[in-house]
Amino acid sequence: MVHATRRERIEMRVDADIKQLAERASAALGCASLTEFITSLIQDNAPRILQREASIKLTNAQFDNFTAICNDTERNPSTRIMEAAKRLDDEGF
């Protein structure tokens, strides 16, 4: 039994120049439609963007400083840090 995938609509308005550019790029890639072209752009780029936004890159020195602060039992976290930590917990991180 094949289940039909529910399809959602994305509506957008763009300048004529942008639409023409998208149509040309779509044709150059052999896409059957602008929908196929835009869908492929989202599928190809969204995961990379989300990964980039979800990760933190530190130098070794920055990481060493971070771990030293985390391990310092004399320090108390600020209210802002505690609020941020609560938001992360609430979001499941």
PDB file of N, CA and C in Angstrom:
ATOM      1  N   MET A   1       0.840  -1.178   0.000  1.00  0.00           N
ATOM      2  CA  MET A   1       0.000   0.000   0.000  1.00  0.00           C
ATOM      3  C   MET A   1       0.886   1.242   0.000  1.00  0.00           C
ATOM      4  N   VAL A   2       0.674   2.134  -0.934  1.00  0.00           N
ATOM      5  CA  VAL A   2       1.458   3.352  -1.054  1.00  0.00           C
ATOM      6  C   VAL A   2       0.700   4.488  -0.389  1.00  0.00           C
ATOM      7  N   HIS A   3       1.388   5.188   0.506  1.00  0.00           N
ATOM      8  CA  HIS A   3       0.778   6.328   1.177  1.00  0.00           C
ATOM      9  C   HIS A   3       1.109   7.602   0.402  1.00  0.00           C
ATOM     10  N   ALA A   4       0.103   8.389   0.158  1.00  0.00           N
ATOM     11  CA  ALA A   4       0.318   9.663  -0.523  1.00  0.00           C
ATOM     12  C   ALA A   4       0.944  10.654   0.453  1.00  0.00           C
ATOM     13  N   THR A   5       1.939  11.355  -0.013  1.00  0.00           N
ATOM     14  CA  THR A   5       2.575  12.378   0.796  1.00  0.00           C
ATOM     15  C   THR A   5       1.748  13.643   0.718  1.00  0.00           C
ATOM     16  N   ARG A   6       1.436  14.184   1.868  1.00  0.00           N
ATOM     17  CA  ARG A   6       0.689  15.437   1.889  1.00  0.00           C
ATOM     18  C   ARG A   6       1.591  16.551   1.413  1.00  0.00           C
ATOM     19  N   ARG A   7       1.121  17.302   0.475  1.00  0.00           N
ATOM     20  CA  ARG A   7       1.924  18.370  -0.101  1.00  0.00           C
ATOM     21  C   ARG A   7       1.448  19.704   0.446  1.00  0.00           C
ATOM     22  N   GLU A   8       2.397  20.557   0.765  1.00  0.00           N
ATOM     23  CA  GLU A   8       2.122  21.891   1.282  1.00  0.00           C
ATOM     24  C   GLU A   8       2.466  22.915   0.215  1.00  0.00           C
ATOM     25  N   ARG A   9       1.855  24.072   0.313  1.00  0.00           N
ATOM     26  CA  ARG A   9       2.083  25.145  -0.642  1.00  0.00           C
ATOM     27  C   ARG A   9       2.968  26.211  -0.005  1.00  0.00           C
ATOM     28  N   ILE A  10       3.914  26.695  -0.786  1.00  0.00           N
ATOM     29  CA  ILE A  10       4.719  27.860  -0.404  1.00  0.00           C
ATOM     30  C   ILE A  10       4.411  28.934  -1.436  1.00  0.00           C
ATOM     31  N   GLU A  11       3.945  30.061  -0.956  1.00  0.00           N
ATOM     32  CA  GLU A  11       3.661  31.166  -1.869  1.00  0.00           C
ATOM     33  C   GLU A  11       4.739  32.221  -1.709  1.00  0.00           C
ATOM     34  N   MET A  12       5.174  32.767  -2.835  1.00  0.00           N
ATOM     35  CA  MET A  12       6.183  33.810  -2.770  1.00  0.00           C
ATOM     36  C   MET A  12       6.059  34.727  -3.979  1.00  0.00           C
ATOM     37  N   ARG A  13       6.420  35.952  -3.756  1.00  0.00           N
ATOM     38  CA  ARG A  13       6.429  36.931  -4.832  1.00  0.00           C
ATOM     39  C   ARG A  13       7.867  37.398  -5.018  1.00  0.00           C
ATOM     40  N   VAL A  14       8.287  37.446  -6.272  1.00  0.00           N
ATOM     41  CA  VAL A  14       9.637  37.898  -6.590  1.00  0.00           C
ATOM     42  C   VAL A  14       9.580  38.864  -7.767  1.00  0.00           C
ATOM     43  N   ASP A  15      10.631  39.638  -7.916  1.00  0.00           N
ATOM     44  CA  ASP A  15      10.736  40.523  -9.068  1.00  0.00           C
ATOM     45  C   ASP A  15      10.817  39.694 -10.344  1.00  0.00           C
ATOM     46  N   ALA A  16      10.430  40.293 -11.451  1.00  0.00           N
ATOM     47  CA  ALA A  16      10.468  39.607 -12.744  1.00  0.00           C
ATOM     48  C   ALA A  16      11.879  39.126 -13.073  1.00  0.00           C
ATOM     49  N   ASP A  17      12.892  39.918 -12.730  1.00  0.00           N
ATOM     50  CA  ASP A  17      14.279  39.525 -13.002  1.00  0.00           C
ATOM     51  C   ASP A  17      14.670  38.269 -12.227  1.00  0.00           C
ATOM     52  N   ILE A  18      14.238  38.187 -10.989  1.00  0.00           N
ATOM     53  CA  ILE A  18      14.545  37.009 -10.162  1.00  0.00           C
ATOM     54  C   ILE A  18      13.847  35.780 -10.726  1.00  0.00           C
ATOM     55  N   LYS A  19      12.595  35.937 -11.130  1.00  0.00           N
ATOM     56  CA  LYS A  19      11.859  34.808 -11.694  1.00  0.00           C
ATOM     57  C   LYS A  19      12.529  34.324 -12.974  1.00  0.00           C
ATOM     58  N   GLN A  20      12.925  35.255 -13.832  1.00  0.00           N
ATOM     59  CA  GLN A  20      13.576  34.873 -15.079  1.00  0.00           C
ATOM     60  C   GLN A  20      14.902  34.165 -14.801  1.00  0.00           C
ATOM     61  N   LEU A  21      15.650  34.662 -13.839  1.00  0.00           N
ATOM     62  CA  LEU A  21      16.906  34.024 -13.456  1.00  0.00           C
ATOM     63  C   LEU A  21      16.659  32.597 -12.966  1.00  0.00           C
ATOM     64  N   ALA A  22      15.640  32.434 -12.136  1.00  0.00           N
ATOM     65  CA  ALA A  22      15.301  31.102 -11.611  1.00  0.00           C
ATOM     66  C   ALA A  22      14.861  30.178 -12.744  1.00  0.00           C
ATOM     67  N   GLU A  23      14.080  30.683 -13.664  1.00  0.00           N
ATOM     68  CA  GLU A  23      13.624  29.865 -14.797  1.00  0.00           C
ATOM     69  C   GLU A  23      14.807  29.416 -15.659  1.00  0.00           C
ATOM     70  N   ARG A  24      15.743  30.322 -15.886  1.00  0.00           N
ATOM     71  CA  ARG A  24      16.914  29.976 -16.685  1.00  0.00           C
ATOM     72  C   ARG A  24      17.767  28.926 -15.982  1.00  0.00           C
ATOM     73  N   ALA A  25      17.981  29.109 -14.678  1.00  0.00           N
ATOM     74  CA  ALA A  25      18.773  28.146 -13.913  1.00  0.00           C
ATOM     75  C   ALA A  25      18.059  26.798 -13.854  1.00  0.00           C
ATOM     76  N   SER A  26      16.749  26.831 -13.688  1.00  0.00           N
ATOM     77  CA  SER A  26      15.958  25.607 -13.659  1.00  0.00           C
ATOM     78  C   SER A  26      16.107  24.838 -14.968  1.00  0.00           C
ATOM     79  N   ALA A  27      15.995  25.545 -16.075  1.00  0.00           N
ATOM     80  CA  ALA A  27      16.141  24.917 -17.388  1.00  0.00           C
ATOM     81  C   ALA A  27      17.557  24.374 -17.578  1.00  0.00           C
ATOM     82  N   ALA A  28      18.552  25.125 -17.113  1.00  0.00           N
ATOM     83  CA  ALA A  28      19.944  24.690 -17.256  1.00  0.00           C
ATOM     84  C   ALA A  28      20.208  23.391 -16.504  1.00  0.00           C
ATOM     85  N   LEU A  29      19.514  23.193 -15.395  1.00  0.00           N
ATOM     86  CA  LEU A  29      19.669  21.953 -14.614  1.00  0.00           C
ATOM     87  C   LEU A  29      18.762  20.832 -15.103  1.00  0.00           C
ATOM     88  N   GLY A  30      17.901  21.157 -16.043  1.00  0.00           N
ATOM     89  CA  GLY A  30      16.988  20.140 -16.566  1.00  0.00           C
ATOM     90  C   GLY A  30      15.789  19.868 -15.682  1.00  0.00           C
ATOM     91  N   CYS A  31      15.458  20.809 -14.819  1.00  0.00           N
ATOM     92  CA  CYS A  31      14.294  20.648 -13.954  1.00  0.00           C
ATOM     93  C   CYS A  31      13.023  20.805 -14.788  1.00  0.00           C
ATOM     94  N   ALA A  32      12.011  20.048 -14.429  1.00  0.00           N
ATOM     95  CA  ALA A  32      10.746  20.089 -15.162  1.00  0.00           C
ATOM     96  C   ALA A  32       9.932  21.331 -14.833  1.00  0.00           C
ATOM     97  N   SER A  33      10.230  21.958 -13.680  1.00  0.00           N
ATOM     98  CA  SER A  33       9.437  23.114 -13.255  1.00  0.00           C
ATOM     99  C   SER A  33      10.228  23.942 -12.255  1.00  0.00           C
ATOM    100  N   LEU A  34       9.722  25.146 -12.017  1.00  0.00           N
ATOM    101  CA  LEU A  34      10.324  25.967 -10.967  1.00  0.00           C
ATOM    102  C   LEU A  34      10.153  25.300  -9.606  1.00  0.00           C
ATOM    103  N   THR A  35       9.032  24.631  -9.411  1.00  0.00           N
ATOM    104  CA  THR A  35       8.805  23.923  -8.152  1.00  0.00           C
ATOM    105  C   THR A  35       9.898  22.888  -7.917  1.00  0.00           C
ATOM    106  N   GLU A  36      10.222  22.113  -8.937  1.00  0.00           N
ATOM    107  CA  GLU A  36      11.278  21.103  -8.807  1.00  0.00           C
ATOM    108  C   GLU A  36      12.620  21.771  -8.507  1.00  0.00           C
ATOM    109  N   PHE A  37      12.902  22.869  -9.188  1.00  0.00           N
ATOM    110  CA  PHE A  37      14.159  23.592  -8.992  1.00  0.00           C
ATOM    111  C   PHE A  37      14.258  24.135  -7.569  1.00  0.00           C
ATOM    112  N   ILE A  38      13.223  24.822  -7.116  1.00  0.00           N
ATOM    113  CA  ILE A  38      13.254  25.421  -5.773  1.00  0.00           C
ATOM    114  C   ILE A  38      13.283  24.336  -4.705  1.00  0.00           C
ATOM    115  N   THR A  39      12.552  23.261  -4.928  1.00  0.00           N
ATOM    116  CA  THR A  39      12.572  22.138  -3.985  1.00  0.00           C
ATOM    117  C   THR A  39      13.975  21.564  -3.873  1.00  0.00           C
ATOM    118  N   SER A  40      14.657  21.410  -5.003  1.00  0.00           N
ATOM    119  CA  SER A  40      16.025  20.870  -4.955  1.00  0.00           C
ATOM    120  C   SER A  40      16.972  21.830  -4.240  1.00  0.00           C
ATOM    121  N   LEU A  41      16.784  23.132  -4.440  1.00  0.00           N
ATOM    122  CA  LEU A  41      17.620  24.103  -3.720  1.00  0.00           C
ATOM    123  C   LEU A  41      17.426  23.983  -2.217  1.00  0.00           C
ATOM    124  N   ILE A  42      16.177  23.848  -1.799  1.00  0.00           N
ATOM    125  CA  ILE A  42      15.888  23.724  -0.368  1.00  0.00           C
ATOM    126  C   ILE A  42      16.482  22.436   0.180  1.00  0.00           C
ATOM    127  N   GLN A  43      16.265  21.321  -0.522  1.00  0.00           N
ATOM    128  CA  GLN A  43      16.781  20.036  -0.049  1.00  0.00           C
ATOM    129  C   GLN A  43      18.305  20.018   0.015  1.00  0.00           C
ATOM    130  N   ASP A  44      18.952  20.690  -0.939  1.00  0.00           N
ATOM    131  CA  ASP A  44      20.412  20.692  -0.973  1.00  0.00           C
ATOM    132  C   ASP A  44      21.022  21.644   0.048  1.00  0.00           C
ATOM    133  N   ASN A  45      20.374  22.769   0.297  1.00  0.00           N
ATOM    134  CA  ASN A  45      20.982  23.822   1.116  1.00  0.00           C
ATOM    135  C   ASN A  45      20.485  23.899   2.545  1.00  0.00           C
ATOM    136  N   ALA A  46      19.225  23.607   2.793  1.00  0.00           N
ATOM    137  CA  ALA A  46      18.673  23.773   4.137  1.00  0.00           C
ATOM    138  C   ALA A  46      19.400  22.934   5.196  1.00  0.00           C
ATOM    139  N   PRO A  47      19.676  21.649   4.938  1.00  0.00           N
ATOM    140  CA  PRO A  47      20.380  20.880   5.979  1.00  0.00           C
ATOM    141  C   PRO A  47      21.751  21.459   6.327  1.00  0.00           C
ATOM    142  N   ARG A  48      22.492  21.922   5.322  1.00  0.00           N
ATOM    143  CA  ARG A  48      23.813  22.505   5.564  1.00  0.00           C
ATOM    144  C   ARG A  48      23.703  23.801   6.373  1.00  0.00           C
ATOM    145  N   ILE A  49      22.704  24.627   6.040  1.00  0.00           N
ATOM    146  CA  ILE A  49      22.488  25.880   6.767  1.00  0.00           C
ATOM    147  C   ILE A  49      22.122  25.589   8.216  1.00  0.00           C
ATOM    148  N   LEU A  50      21.210  24.654   8.424  1.00  0.00           N
ATOM    149  CA  LEU A  50      20.791  24.316   9.782  1.00  0.00           C
ATOM    150  C   LEU A  50      21.945  23.729  10.588  1.00  0.00           C
ATOM    151  N   GLN A  51      22.764  22.893   9.952  1.00  0.00           N
ATOM    152  CA  GLN A  51      23.928  22.330  10.646  1.00  0.00           C
ATOM    153  C   GLN A  51      24.900  23.433  11.036  1.00  0.00           C
ATOM    154  N   ARG A  52      25.143  24.359  10.122  1.00  0.00           N
ATOM    155  CA  ARG A  52      26.060  25.462  10.404  1.00  0.00           C
ATOM    156  C   ARG A  52      25.556  26.307  11.571  1.00  0.00           C
ATOM    157  N   GLU A  53      24.249  26.533  11.621  1.00  0.00           N
ATOM    158  CA  GLU A  53      23.675  27.355  12.682  1.00  0.00           C
ATOM    159  C   GLU A  53      23.603  26.610  14.012  1.00  0.00           C
ATOM    160  N   ALA A  54      23.629  25.286  13.968  1.00  0.00           N
ATOM    161  CA  ALA A  54      23.501  24.494  15.191  1.00  0.00           C
ATOM    162  C   ALA A  54      24.855  24.142  15.801  1.00  0.00           C
ATOM    163  N   SER A  55      25.940  24.421  15.085  1.00  0.00           N
ATOM    164  CA  SER A  55      27.251  24.046  15.609  1.00  0.00           C
ATOM    165  C   SER A  55      28.046  25.283  16.010  1.00  0.00           C
ATOM    166  N   ILE A  56      28.955  25.069  16.909  1.00  0.00           N
ATOM    167  CA  ILE A  56      29.829  26.134  17.391  1.00  0.00           C
ATOM    168  C   ILE A  56      31.259  25.694  17.128  1.00  0.00           C
ATOM    169  N   LYS A  57      32.026  26.540  16.488  1.00  0.00           N
ATOM    170  CA  LYS A  57      33.432  26.228  16.223  1.00  0.00           C
ATOM    171  C   LYS A  57      34.302  27.124  17.086  1.00  0.00           C
ATOM    172  N   LEU A  58      35.222  26.486  17.796  1.00  0.00           N
ATOM    173  CA  LEU A  58      36.125  27.197  18.691  1.00  0.00           C
ATOM    174  C   LEU A  58      37.562  26.829  18.376  1.00  0.00           C
ATOM    175  N   THR A  59      38.450  27.755  18.644  1.00  0.00           N
ATOM    176  CA  THR A  59      39.871  27.421  18.601  1.00  0.00           C
ATOM    177  C   THR A  59      40.180  26.580  19.837  1.00  0.00           C
ATOM    178  N   ASN A  60      41.337  25.958  19.842  1.00  0.00           N
ATOM    179  CA  ASN A  60      41.738  25.183  21.028  1.00  0.00           C
ATOM    180  C   ASN A  60      41.799  26.068  22.262  1.00  0.00           C
ATOM    181  N   ALA A  61      42.319  27.276  22.107  1.00  0.00           N
ATOM    182  CA  ALA A  61      42.419  28.197  23.239  1.00  0.00           C
ATOM    183  C   ALA A  61      41.032  28.580  23.757  1.00  0.00           C
ATOM    184  N   GLN A  62      40.099  28.844  22.845  1.00  0.00           N
ATOM    185  CA  GLN A  62      38.735  29.182  23.266  1.00  0.00           C
ATOM    186  C   GLN A  62      38.096  28.009  24.000  1.00  0.00           C
ATOM    187  N   PHE A  63      38.301  26.795  23.482  1.00  0.00           N
ATOM    188  CA  PHE A  63      37.731  25.618  24.133  1.00  0.00           C
ATOM    189  C   PHE A  63      38.345  25.407  25.512  1.00  0.00           C
ATOM    190  N   ASP A  64      39.662  25.565  25.609  1.00  0.00           N
ATOM    191  CA  ASP A  64      40.328  25.419  26.908  1.00  0.00           C
ATOM    192  C   ASP A  64      39.791  26.435  27.913  1.00  0.00           C
ATOM    193  N   ASN A  65      39.598  27.671  27.472  1.00  0.00           N
ATOM    194  CA  ASN A  65      39.044  28.712  28.339  1.00  0.00           C
ATOM    195  C   ASN A  65      37.616  28.345  28.760  1.00  0.00           C
ATOM    196  N   PHE A  66      36.828  27.859  27.813  1.00  0.00           N
ATOM    197  CA  PHE A  66      35.447  27.457  28.105  1.00  0.00           C
ATOM    198  C   PHE A  66      35.407  26.346  29.150  1.00  0.00           C
ATOM    199  N   THR A  67      36.231  25.315  28.953  1.00  0.00           N
ATOM    200  CA  THR A  67      36.204  24.208  29.916  1.00  0.00           C
ATOM    201  C   THR A  67      36.718  24.641  31.285  1.00  0.00           C
ATOM    202  N   ALA A  68      37.699  25.542  31.307  1.00  0.00           N
ATOM    203  CA  ALA A  68      38.202  26.044  32.595  1.00  0.00           C
ATOM    204  C   ALA A  68      37.095  26.788  33.341  1.00  0.00           C
ATOM    205  N   ILE A  69      36.338  27.598  32.624  1.00  0.00           N
ATOM    206  CA  ILE A  69      35.228  28.333  33.251  1.00  0.00           C
ATOM    207  C   ILE A  69      34.160  27.361  33.735  1.00  0.00           C
ATOM    208  N   CYS A  70      33.856  26.356  32.919  1.00  0.00           N
ATOM    209  CA  CYS A  70      32.837  25.368  33.314  1.00  0.00           C
ATOM    210  C   CYS A  70      33.257  24.591  34.550  1.00  0.00           C
ATOM    211  N   ASN A  71      34.538  24.331  34.682  1.00  0.00           N
ATOM    212  CA  ASN A  71      35.039  23.537  35.809  1.00  0.00           C
ATOM    213  C   ASN A  71      35.340  24.370  37.055  1.00  0.00           C
ATOM    214  N   ASP A  72      35.213  25.681  36.943  1.00  0.00           N
ATOM    215  CA  ASP A  72      35.497  26.574  38.067  1.00  0.00           C
ATOM    216  C   ASP A  72      34.289  26.584  39.008  1.00  0.00           C
ATOM    217  N   THR A  73      34.431  25.895  40.131  1.00  0.00           N
ATOM    218  CA  THR A  73      33.309  25.781  41.077  1.00  0.00           C
ATOM    219  C   THR A  73      33.092  27.058  41.875  1.00  0.00           C
ATOM    220  N   GLU A  74      34.021  28.011  41.795  1.00  0.00           N
ATOM    221  CA  GLU A  74      33.884  29.279  42.508  1.00  0.00           C
ATOM    222  C   GLU A  74      32.943  30.253  41.769  1.00  0.00           C
ATOM    223  N   ARG A  75      32.709  30.011  40.495  1.00  0.00           N
ATOM    224  CA  ARG A  75      31.894  30.926  39.683  1.00  0.00           C
ATOM    225  C   ARG A  75      30.430  30.501  39.726  1.00  0.00           C
ATOM    226  N   ASN A  76      29.564  31.469  39.738  1.00  0.00           N
ATOM    227  CA  ASN A  76      28.132  31.209  39.626  1.00  0.00           C
ATOM    228  C   ASN A  76      27.660  31.736  38.266  1.00  0.00           C
ATOM    229  N   PRO A  77      26.870  30.950  37.558  1.00  0.00           N
ATOM    230  CA  PRO A  77      26.394  31.406  36.251  1.00  0.00           C
ATOM    231  C   PRO A  77      25.494  32.631  36.393  1.00  0.00           C
ATOM    232  N   SER A  78      25.561  33.504  35.405  1.00  0.00           N
ATOM    233  CA  SER A  78      24.721  34.700  35.423  1.00  0.00           C
ATOM    234  C   SER A  78      23.268  34.326  35.159  1.00  0.00           C
ATOM    235  N   THR A  79      22.379  35.238  35.440  1.00  0.00           N
ATOM    236  CA  THR A  79      20.952  35.030  35.177  1.00  0.00           C
ATOM    237  C   THR A  79      20.723  34.770  33.700  1.00  0.00           C
ATOM    238  N   ARG A  80      21.409  35.512  32.834  1.00  0.00           N
ATOM    239  CA  ARG A  80      21.239  35.332  31.390  1.00  0.00           C
ATOM    240  C   ARG A  80      21.658  33.934  30.947  1.00  0.00           C
ATOM    241  N   ILE A  81      22.741  33.429  31.521  1.00  0.00           N
ATOM    242  CA  ILE A  81      23.202  32.081  31.177  1.00  0.00           C
ATOM    243  C   ILE A  81      22.178  31.051  31.646  1.00  0.00           C
ATOM    244  N   MET A  82      21.652  31.219  32.834  1.00  0.00           N
ATOM    245  CA  MET A  82      20.667  30.276  33.359  1.00  0.00           C
ATOM    246  C   MET A  82      19.389  30.293  32.518  1.00  0.00           C
ATOM    247  N   GLU A  83      18.975  31.485  32.085  1.00  0.00           N
ATOM    248  CA  GLU A  83      17.789  31.592  31.230  1.00  0.00           C
ATOM    249  C   GLU A  83      18.032  30.912  29.879  1.00  0.00           C
ATOM    250  N   ALA A  84      19.221  31.110  29.316  1.00  0.00           N
ATOM    251  CA  ALA A  84      19.557  30.471  28.041  1.00  0.00           C
ATOM    252  C   ALA A  84      19.585  28.950  28.195  1.00  0.00           C
ATOM    253  N   ALA A  85      20.141  28.465  29.288  1.00  0.00           N
ATOM    254  CA  ALA A  85      20.187  27.024  29.533  1.00  0.00           C
ATOM    255  C   ALA A  85      18.782  26.453  29.674  1.00  0.00           C
ATOM    256  N   LYS A  86      17.908  27.180  30.342  1.00  0.00           N
ATOM    257  CA  LYS A  86      16.518  26.725  30.480  1.00  0.00           C
ATOM    258  C   LYS A  86      15.834  26.651  29.129  1.00  0.00           C
ATOM    259  N   ARG A  87      16.064  27.664  28.278  1.00  0.00           N
ATOM    260  CA  ARG A  87      15.465  27.639  26.928  1.00  0.00           C
ATOM    261  C   ARG A  87      15.957  26.427  26.143  1.00  0.00           C
ATOM    262  N   LEU A  88      17.249  26.136  26.254  1.00  0.00           N
ATOM    263  CA  LEU A  88      17.786  24.961  25.556  1.00  0.00           C
ATOM    264  C   LEU A  88      17.160  23.680  26.079  1.00  0.00           C
ATOM    265  N   ASP A  89      17.017  23.582  27.402  1.00  0.00           N
ATOM    266  CA  ASP A  89      16.352  22.402  27.979  1.00  0.00           C
ATOM    267  C   ASP A  89      14.922  22.295  27.481  1.00  0.00           C
ATOM    268  N   ASP A  90      14.211  23.416  27.462  1.00  0.00           N
ATOM    269  CA  ASP A  90      12.813  23.408  27.012  1.00  0.00           C
ATOM    270  C   ASP A  90      12.682  23.000  25.555  1.00  0.00           C
ATOM    271  N   GLU A  91      13.710  23.321  24.756  1.00  0.00           N
ATOM    272  CA  GLU A  91      13.700  22.973  23.327  1.00  0.00           C
ATOM    273  C   GLU A  91      14.240  21.574  23.064  1.00  0.00           C
ATOM    274  N   GLY A  92      14.694  20.904  24.108  1.00  0.00           N
ATOM    275  CA  GLY A  92      15.152  19.521  23.950  1.00  0.00           C
ATOM    276  C   GLY A  92      16.613  19.361  23.586  1.00  0.00           C
ATOM    277  N   PHE A  93      17.430  20.385  23.833  1.00  0.00           N
ATOM    278  CA  PHE A  93      18.863  20.255  23.530  1.00  0.00           C
ATOM    279  C   PHE A  93      19.613  19.798  24.735  1.00  0.00           C
TER     280      PHE A  93
END
